[in-house]
Amino acid sequence: MRVSRMTWLGLRAEDFDATSDFFGRVLSLKQLDGGTDFAMFALPGGVNDWVEIYGARSDDPGASFYGTAPVVGFTVDDLAAAREEIAAAGLELLDEIGWSTKVEGYGWFHFRAPDGNIYALVQDPAER
């Protein structure tokens, strides 16, 4: 697999409002989406580079296994092949590949690395 960049950061925030304020007002990131205990901010590095914040009341099943550490996502060329490599390495796969309904060809999955932290691999059509 070839990783081209770090593209995404997800985190579960105990104080959702203060954390959202930090990313929006203090870091001046543009908020793209939001909801009940969910906020999505654009990162300036790439078209599909984002920070997603999940609060305690977030009902997003994709973030249900997030702990207190931020979850970093890395962009890869071929998500299905990368998932096979992660599985072959004996790492714990936490979900199936999820495909975006908003950005065609954008997908991701999560796994637990040897350090015990959760990471994501992402396929971004803007990279192709």
N, C-alpha and C. Protein backbone atom coordinates (compact mmCIF):
# COMPACT_ATOMS: atom_id res chain seq x y z
N MET A 1 0.85 -1.18 0.00
CA MET A 1 0.00 0.00 0.00
C MET A 1 0.89 1.23 0.00
N ARG A 2 0.38 2.30 -0.58
CA ARG A 2 1.10 3.57 -0.61
C ARG A 2 0.24 4.63 0.08
N VAL A 3 0.77 5.20 1.15
CA VAL A 3 0.09 6.30 1.85
C VAL A 3 0.58 7.60 1.24
N SER A 4 -0.35 8.45 0.82
CA SER A 4 0.04 9.72 0.19
C SER A 4 0.02 10.91 1.14
N ARG A 5 -0.83 10.85 2.17
CA ARG A 5 -0.86 11.96 3.12
C ARG A 5 -1.77 11.61 4.30
N MET A 6 -1.67 12.43 5.34
CA MET A 6 -2.62 12.38 6.43
C MET A 6 -3.77 13.30 6.01
N THR A 7 -5.00 12.79 6.05
CA THR A 7 -6.11 13.50 5.44
C THR A 7 -7.28 13.81 6.37
N TRP A 8 -7.35 13.14 7.50
CA TRP A 8 -8.57 13.22 8.30
C TRP A 8 -8.23 13.03 9.77
N LEU A 9 -8.99 13.73 10.61
CA LEU A 9 -8.86 13.59 12.05
C LEU A 9 -10.25 13.50 12.64
N GLY A 10 -10.49 12.46 13.41
CA GLY A 10 -11.77 12.30 14.10
C GLY A 10 -11.51 12.20 15.58
N LEU A 11 -12.41 12.77 16.36
CA LEU A 11 -12.25 12.67 17.81
C LEU A 11 -13.58 12.75 18.53
N ARG A 12 -13.60 12.08 19.66
CA ARG A 12 -14.76 12.15 20.55
C ARG A 12 -14.40 13.16 21.63
N ALA A 13 -15.26 14.16 21.80
CA ALA A 13 -14.98 15.25 22.73
C ALA A 13 -15.95 15.22 23.90
N GLU A 14 -15.40 15.24 25.11
CA GLU A 14 -16.23 15.32 26.31
C GLU A 14 -16.98 16.64 26.34
N ASP A 15 -16.30 17.73 26.04
CA ASP A 15 -16.94 19.04 25.96
C ASP A 15 -17.05 19.42 24.49
N PHE A 16 -18.13 18.96 23.88
CA PHE A 16 -18.33 19.14 22.45
C PHE A 16 -18.35 20.62 22.05
N ASP A 17 -19.08 21.44 22.78
CA ASP A 17 -19.20 22.85 22.41
C ASP A 17 -17.86 23.57 22.45
N ALA A 18 -17.09 23.36 23.50
CA ALA A 18 -15.78 24.01 23.61
C ALA A 18 -14.82 23.50 22.53
N THR A 19 -14.88 22.21 22.23
CA THR A 19 -14.00 21.65 21.21
C THR A 19 -14.37 22.18 19.83
N SER A 20 -15.66 22.24 19.53
CA SER A 20 -16.10 22.81 18.25
C SER A 20 -15.70 24.27 18.14
N ASP A 21 -15.84 25.00 19.23
CA ASP A 21 -15.44 26.41 19.24
C ASP A 21 -13.94 26.54 18.97
N PHE A 22 -13.16 25.66 19.56
CA PHE A 22 -11.71 25.69 19.36
C PHE A 22 -11.35 25.52 17.88
N PHE A 23 -11.93 24.50 17.23
CA PHE A 23 -11.60 24.26 15.83
C PHE A 23 -12.16 25.34 14.91
N GLY A 24 -13.34 25.84 15.22
CA GLY A 24 -13.96 26.85 14.37
C GLY A 24 -13.45 28.26 14.61
N ARG A 25 -13.56 28.73 15.84
CA ARG A 25 -13.21 30.12 16.14
C ARG A 25 -11.72 30.32 16.34
N VAL A 26 -11.09 29.46 17.14
CA VAL A 26 -9.68 29.66 17.47
C VAL A 26 -8.78 29.26 16.29
N LEU A 27 -9.00 28.09 15.70
CA LEU A 27 -8.18 27.66 14.57
C LEU A 27 -8.69 28.19 13.23
N SER A 28 -9.85 28.80 13.25
CA SER A 28 -10.45 29.41 12.04
C SER A 28 -10.71 28.41 10.92
N LEU A 29 -11.09 27.18 11.27
CA LEU A 29 -11.47 26.21 10.27
C LEU A 29 -12.94 26.40 9.92
N LYS A 30 -13.27 26.26 8.66
CA LYS A 30 -14.64 26.45 8.19
C LYS A 30 -15.48 25.22 8.51
N GLN A 31 -16.62 25.43 9.19
CA GLN A 31 -17.51 24.32 9.50
C GLN A 31 -18.34 23.99 8.27
N LEU A 32 -18.32 22.72 7.87
CA LEU A 32 -19.03 22.26 6.68
C LEU A 32 -20.35 21.58 7.00
N ASP A 33 -20.44 20.96 8.16
CA ASP A 33 -21.62 20.17 8.51
C ASP A 33 -21.72 20.14 10.02
N GLY A 34 -22.90 19.81 10.51
CA GLY A 34 -23.09 19.71 11.95
C GLY A 34 -24.42 19.07 12.27
N GLY A 35 -24.58 18.73 13.51
CA GLY A 35 -25.81 18.11 13.98
C GLY A 35 -25.73 17.94 15.48
N THR A 36 -26.52 17.01 16.00
CA THR A 36 -26.50 16.72 17.42
C THR A 36 -25.16 16.12 17.79
N ASP A 37 -24.35 16.89 18.48
CA ASP A 37 -23.02 16.45 18.91
C ASP A 37 -22.16 15.96 17.75
N PHE A 38 -22.24 16.63 16.62
CA PHE A 38 -21.39 16.34 15.48
C PHE A 38 -21.04 17.64 14.77
N ALA A 39 -19.76 17.80 14.43
CA ALA A 39 -19.33 18.94 13.64
C ALA A 39 -18.22 18.48 12.71
N MET A 40 -18.23 19.02 11.49
CA MET A 40 -17.23 18.68 10.49
C MET A 40 -16.62 19.98 9.99
N PHE A 41 -15.28 20.04 10.03
CA PHE A 41 -14.55 21.23 9.63
C PHE A 41 -13.61 20.90 8.47
N ALA A 42 -13.43 21.84 7.56
CA ALA A 42 -12.52 21.67 6.43
C ALA A 42 -11.09 21.96 6.87
N LEU A 43 -10.17 21.12 6.44
CA LEU A 43 -8.75 21.38 6.59
C LEU A 43 -8.25 21.97 5.27
N PRO A 44 -7.29 22.88 5.31
CA PRO A 44 -6.87 23.55 4.09
C PRO A 44 -5.96 22.73 3.17
N GLY A 45 -5.55 21.54 3.58
CA GLY A 45 -4.58 20.78 2.81
C GLY A 45 -5.09 20.12 1.55
N GLY A 46 -6.36 19.76 1.51
CA GLY A 46 -6.91 19.06 0.35
C GLY A 46 -8.41 19.22 0.30
N VAL A 47 -8.96 18.94 -0.86
CA VAL A 47 -10.39 19.11 -1.10
C VAL A 47 -11.23 18.31 -0.10
N ASN A 48 -10.80 17.09 0.21
CA ASN A 48 -11.55 16.21 1.10
C ASN A 48 -10.81 15.95 2.40
N ASP A 49 -10.15 16.96 2.94
CA ASP A 49 -9.45 16.83 4.23
C ASP A 49 -10.31 17.48 5.31
N TRP A 50 -10.63 16.71 6.34
CA TRP A 50 -11.58 17.16 7.34
C TRP A 50 -11.17 16.82 8.76
N VAL A 51 -11.75 17.56 9.72
CA VAL A 51 -11.76 17.22 11.13
C VAL A 51 -13.22 16.96 11.47
N GLU A 52 -13.50 15.82 12.10
CA GLU A 52 -14.86 15.51 12.54
C GLU A 52 -14.84 15.33 14.05
N ILE A 53 -15.77 16.02 14.72
CA ILE A 53 -15.87 15.97 16.18
C ILE A 53 -17.20 15.32 16.56
N TYR A 54 -17.12 14.36 17.46
CA TYR A 54 -18.30 13.65 17.94
C TYR A 54 -18.43 13.89 19.44
N GLY A 55 -19.59 14.32 19.86
CA GLY A 55 -19.85 14.53 21.29
C GLY A 55 -20.46 13.28 21.91
N ALA A 56 -20.72 13.36 23.19
CA ALA A 56 -21.24 12.21 23.95
C ALA A 56 -22.60 11.75 23.44
N ARG A 57 -23.40 12.67 22.90
CA ARG A 57 -24.74 12.32 22.41
C ARG A 57 -24.77 11.98 20.93
N SER A 58 -23.62 11.93 20.29
CA SER A 58 -23.58 11.61 18.86
C SER A 58 -24.12 10.21 18.64
N ASP A 59 -24.99 10.07 17.65
CA ASP A 59 -25.55 8.76 17.35
C ASP A 59 -24.90 8.12 16.13
N ASP A 60 -23.75 8.62 15.73
CA ASP A 60 -23.05 8.09 14.57
C ASP A 60 -22.44 6.73 14.92
N PRO A 61 -22.93 5.64 14.32
CA PRO A 61 -22.38 4.32 14.65
C PRO A 61 -20.93 4.15 14.24
N GLY A 62 -20.46 4.94 13.26
CA GLY A 62 -19.09 4.85 12.80
C GLY A 62 -18.08 5.34 13.82
N ALA A 63 -18.54 6.11 14.80
CA ALA A 63 -17.64 6.63 15.84
C ALA A 63 -17.88 5.96 17.18
N SER A 64 -18.67 4.92 17.22
CA SER A 64 -19.03 4.29 18.49
C SER A 64 -17.84 3.70 19.23
N PHE A 65 -16.80 3.31 18.52
CA PHE A 65 -15.63 2.69 19.16
C PHE A 65 -14.51 3.69 19.44
N TYR A 66 -14.72 4.98 19.16
CA TYR A 66 -13.69 5.98 19.44
C TYR A 66 -13.52 6.13 20.94
N GLY A 67 -12.26 6.21 21.35
CA GLY A 67 -11.95 6.47 22.75
C GLY A 67 -11.57 7.92 22.94
N THR A 68 -10.61 8.17 23.81
CA THR A 68 -10.21 9.55 24.09
C THR A 68 -9.09 10.04 23.17
N ALA A 69 -8.41 9.14 22.48
CA ALA A 69 -7.33 9.56 21.57
C ALA A 69 -7.91 9.96 20.22
N PRO A 70 -7.35 10.98 19.58
CA PRO A 70 -7.80 11.31 18.23
C PRO A 70 -7.55 10.14 17.28
N VAL A 71 -8.40 10.03 16.27
CA VAL A 71 -8.26 9.00 15.24
C VAL A 71 -7.77 9.68 13.98
N VAL A 72 -6.61 9.25 13.49
CA VAL A 72 -5.99 9.85 12.31
C VAL A 72 -6.28 8.98 11.09
N GLY A 73 -6.58 9.63 9.98
CA GLY A 73 -6.83 8.92 8.73
C GLY A 73 -5.74 9.21 7.71
N PHE A 74 -5.31 8.17 7.02
CA PHE A 74 -4.28 8.27 5.99
C PHE A 74 -4.89 7.91 4.64
N THR A 75 -4.57 8.67 3.61
CA THR A 75 -5.08 8.40 2.26
C THR A 75 -4.22 7.33 1.59
N VAL A 76 -4.90 6.36 0.98
CA VAL A 76 -4.24 5.30 0.22
C VAL A 76 -4.84 5.25 -1.18
N ASP A 77 -4.11 4.62 -2.10
CA ASP A 77 -4.55 4.52 -3.50
C ASP A 77 -5.73 3.57 -3.68
N ASP A 78 -5.65 2.41 -3.04
CA ASP A 78 -6.63 1.35 -3.25
C ASP A 78 -7.11 0.86 -1.89
N LEU A 79 -8.28 1.30 -1.48
CA LEU A 79 -8.79 1.01 -0.14
C LEU A 79 -9.03 -0.48 0.09
N ALA A 80 -9.60 -1.16 -0.89
CA ALA A 80 -9.87 -2.60 -0.72
C ALA A 80 -8.56 -3.38 -0.55
N ALA A 81 -7.55 -3.06 -1.35
CA ALA A 81 -6.26 -3.75 -1.23
C ALA A 81 -5.59 -3.41 0.10
N ALA A 82 -5.71 -2.16 0.53
CA ALA A 82 -5.12 -1.76 1.82
C ALA A 82 -5.79 -2.50 2.96
N ARG A 83 -7.09 -2.70 2.88
CA ARG A 83 -7.81 -3.44 3.93
C ARG A 83 -7.31 -4.88 4.00
N GLU A 84 -7.07 -5.48 2.84
CA GLU A 84 -6.53 -6.85 2.81
C GLU A 84 -5.14 -6.90 3.46
N GLU A 85 -4.32 -5.90 3.21
CA GLU A 85 -2.98 -5.85 3.81
C GLU A 85 -3.05 -5.69 5.32
N ILE A 86 -3.97 -4.85 5.80
CA ILE A 86 -4.14 -4.67 7.24
C ILE A 86 -4.59 -5.98 7.89
N ALA A 87 -5.54 -6.66 7.24
CA ALA A 87 -6.01 -7.95 7.77
C ALA A 87 -4.88 -8.98 7.76
N ALA A 88 -4.11 -9.03 6.68
CA ALA A 88 -3.01 -9.99 6.58
C ALA A 88 -1.94 -9.73 7.63
N ALA A 89 -1.81 -8.48 8.06
CA ALA A 89 -0.84 -8.13 9.10
C ALA A 89 -1.33 -8.53 10.48
N GLY A 90 -2.56 -9.05 10.56
CA GLY A 90 -3.11 -9.50 11.83
C GLY A 90 -3.68 -8.40 12.71
N LEU A 91 -3.92 -7.22 12.14
CA LEU A 91 -4.47 -6.12 12.92
C LEU A 91 -5.99 -6.23 13.01
N GLU A 92 -6.54 -5.68 14.07
CA GLU A 92 -7.98 -5.76 14.31
C GLU A 92 -8.72 -4.78 13.42
N LEU A 93 -9.59 -5.30 12.55
CA LEU A 93 -10.46 -4.47 11.72
C LEU A 93 -11.70 -4.13 12.53
N LEU A 94 -12.07 -2.87 12.58
CA LEU A 94 -13.17 -2.43 13.43
C LEU A 94 -14.49 -2.23 12.70
N ASP A 95 -14.43 -2.10 11.38
CA ASP A 95 -15.65 -1.93 10.61
C ASP A 95 -15.39 -2.33 9.16
N GLU A 96 -16.44 -2.37 8.40
CA GLU A 96 -16.33 -2.63 6.97
C GLU A 96 -15.97 -1.32 6.27
N ILE A 97 -15.64 -1.39 5.00
CA ILE A 97 -15.41 -0.17 4.23
C ILE A 97 -16.74 0.59 4.14
N GLY A 98 -16.67 1.87 4.48
CA GLY A 98 -17.83 2.74 4.33
C GLY A 98 -17.62 3.64 3.13
N TRP A 99 -18.63 3.78 2.31
CA TRP A 99 -18.54 4.64 1.12
C TRP A 99 -19.44 5.83 1.29
N SER A 100 -18.91 7.00 1.03
CA SER A 100 -19.65 8.25 1.19
C SER A 100 -20.83 8.32 0.23
N THR A 101 -21.93 8.88 0.71
CA THR A 101 -23.08 9.14 -0.15
C THR A 101 -23.01 10.56 -0.72
N LYS A 102 -22.02 11.34 -0.26
CA LYS A 102 -21.87 12.73 -0.71
C LYS A 102 -20.72 12.94 -1.68
N VAL A 103 -19.65 12.14 -1.54
CA VAL A 103 -18.47 12.27 -2.40
C VAL A 103 -18.23 10.91 -3.05
N GLU A 104 -18.55 10.80 -4.32
CA GLU A 104 -18.41 9.54 -5.03
C GLU A 104 -16.95 9.08 -5.03
N GLY A 105 -16.75 7.81 -4.66
CA GLY A 105 -15.41 7.24 -4.64
C GLY A 105 -14.64 7.48 -3.36
N TYR A 106 -15.25 8.17 -2.38
CA TYR A 106 -14.60 8.43 -1.10
C TYR A 106 -15.03 7.35 -0.11
N GLY A 107 -14.04 6.63 0.43
CA GLY A 107 -14.35 5.55 1.36
C GLY A 107 -13.34 5.49 2.49
N TRP A 108 -13.64 4.68 3.52
CA TRP A 108 -12.78 4.58 4.69
C TRP A 108 -13.09 3.31 5.46
N PHE A 109 -12.16 2.93 6.31
CA PHE A 109 -12.39 1.90 7.32
C PHE A 109 -11.42 2.17 8.47
N HIS A 110 -11.71 1.58 9.62
CA HIS A 110 -10.92 1.78 10.84
C HIS A 110 -10.28 0.47 11.28
N PHE A 111 -9.14 0.59 11.94
CA PHE A 111 -8.46 -0.58 12.49
C PHE A 111 -7.69 -0.16 13.74
N ARG A 112 -7.36 -1.15 14.55
CA ARG A 112 -6.55 -0.91 15.75
C ARG A 112 -5.11 -1.32 15.43
N ALA A 113 -4.19 -0.38 15.60
CA ALA A 113 -2.77 -0.62 15.30
C ALA A 113 -2.08 -1.25 16.52
N PRO A 114 -0.85 -1.71 16.34
CA PRO A 114 -0.13 -2.33 17.45
C PRO A 114 0.02 -1.43 18.68
N ASP A 115 -0.03 -0.10 18.50
CA ASP A 115 0.09 0.80 19.65
C ASP A 115 -1.20 0.89 20.47
N GLY A 116 -2.25 0.18 20.00
CA GLY A 116 -3.53 0.18 20.70
C GLY A 116 -4.48 1.28 20.25
N ASN A 117 -3.98 2.22 19.45
CA ASN A 117 -4.82 3.31 18.97
C ASN A 117 -5.57 2.92 17.71
N ILE A 118 -6.64 3.66 17.44
CA ILE A 118 -7.46 3.45 16.26
C ILE A 118 -6.98 4.41 15.17
N TYR A 119 -6.89 3.89 13.95
CA TYR A 119 -6.53 4.68 12.78
C TYR A 119 -7.55 4.39 11.68
N ALA A 120 -7.57 5.24 10.67
CA ALA A 120 -8.42 5.03 9.51
C ALA A 120 -7.57 5.07 8.25
N LEU A 121 -7.97 4.29 7.27
CA LEU A 121 -7.42 4.43 5.94
C LEU A 121 -8.55 4.95 5.06
N VAL A 122 -8.21 5.87 4.16
CA VAL A 122 -9.19 6.60 3.37
C VAL A 122 -8.81 6.52 1.90
N GLN A 123 -9.81 6.37 1.06
CA GLN A 123 -9.60 6.49 -0.39
C GLN A 123 -10.29 7.76 -0.83
N ASP A 124 -9.55 8.65 -1.46
CA ASP A 124 -10.06 9.97 -1.85
C ASP A 124 -9.97 10.11 -3.36
N PRO A 125 -11.11 10.26 -4.05
CA PRO A 125 -11.07 10.37 -5.50
C PRO A 125 -10.31 11.61 -5.99
N ALA A 126 -10.16 12.60 -5.15
CA ALA A 126 -9.40 13.81 -5.53
C ALA A 126 -7.92 13.51 -5.67
N GLU A 127 -7.46 12.37 -5.12
CA GLU A 127 -6.06 11.97 -5.19
C GLU A 127 -5.74 11.24 -6.48
N ARG A 128 -6.74 10.81 -7.20
CA ARG A 128 -6.52 9.96 -8.38
C ARG A 128 -6.30 10.77 -9.61
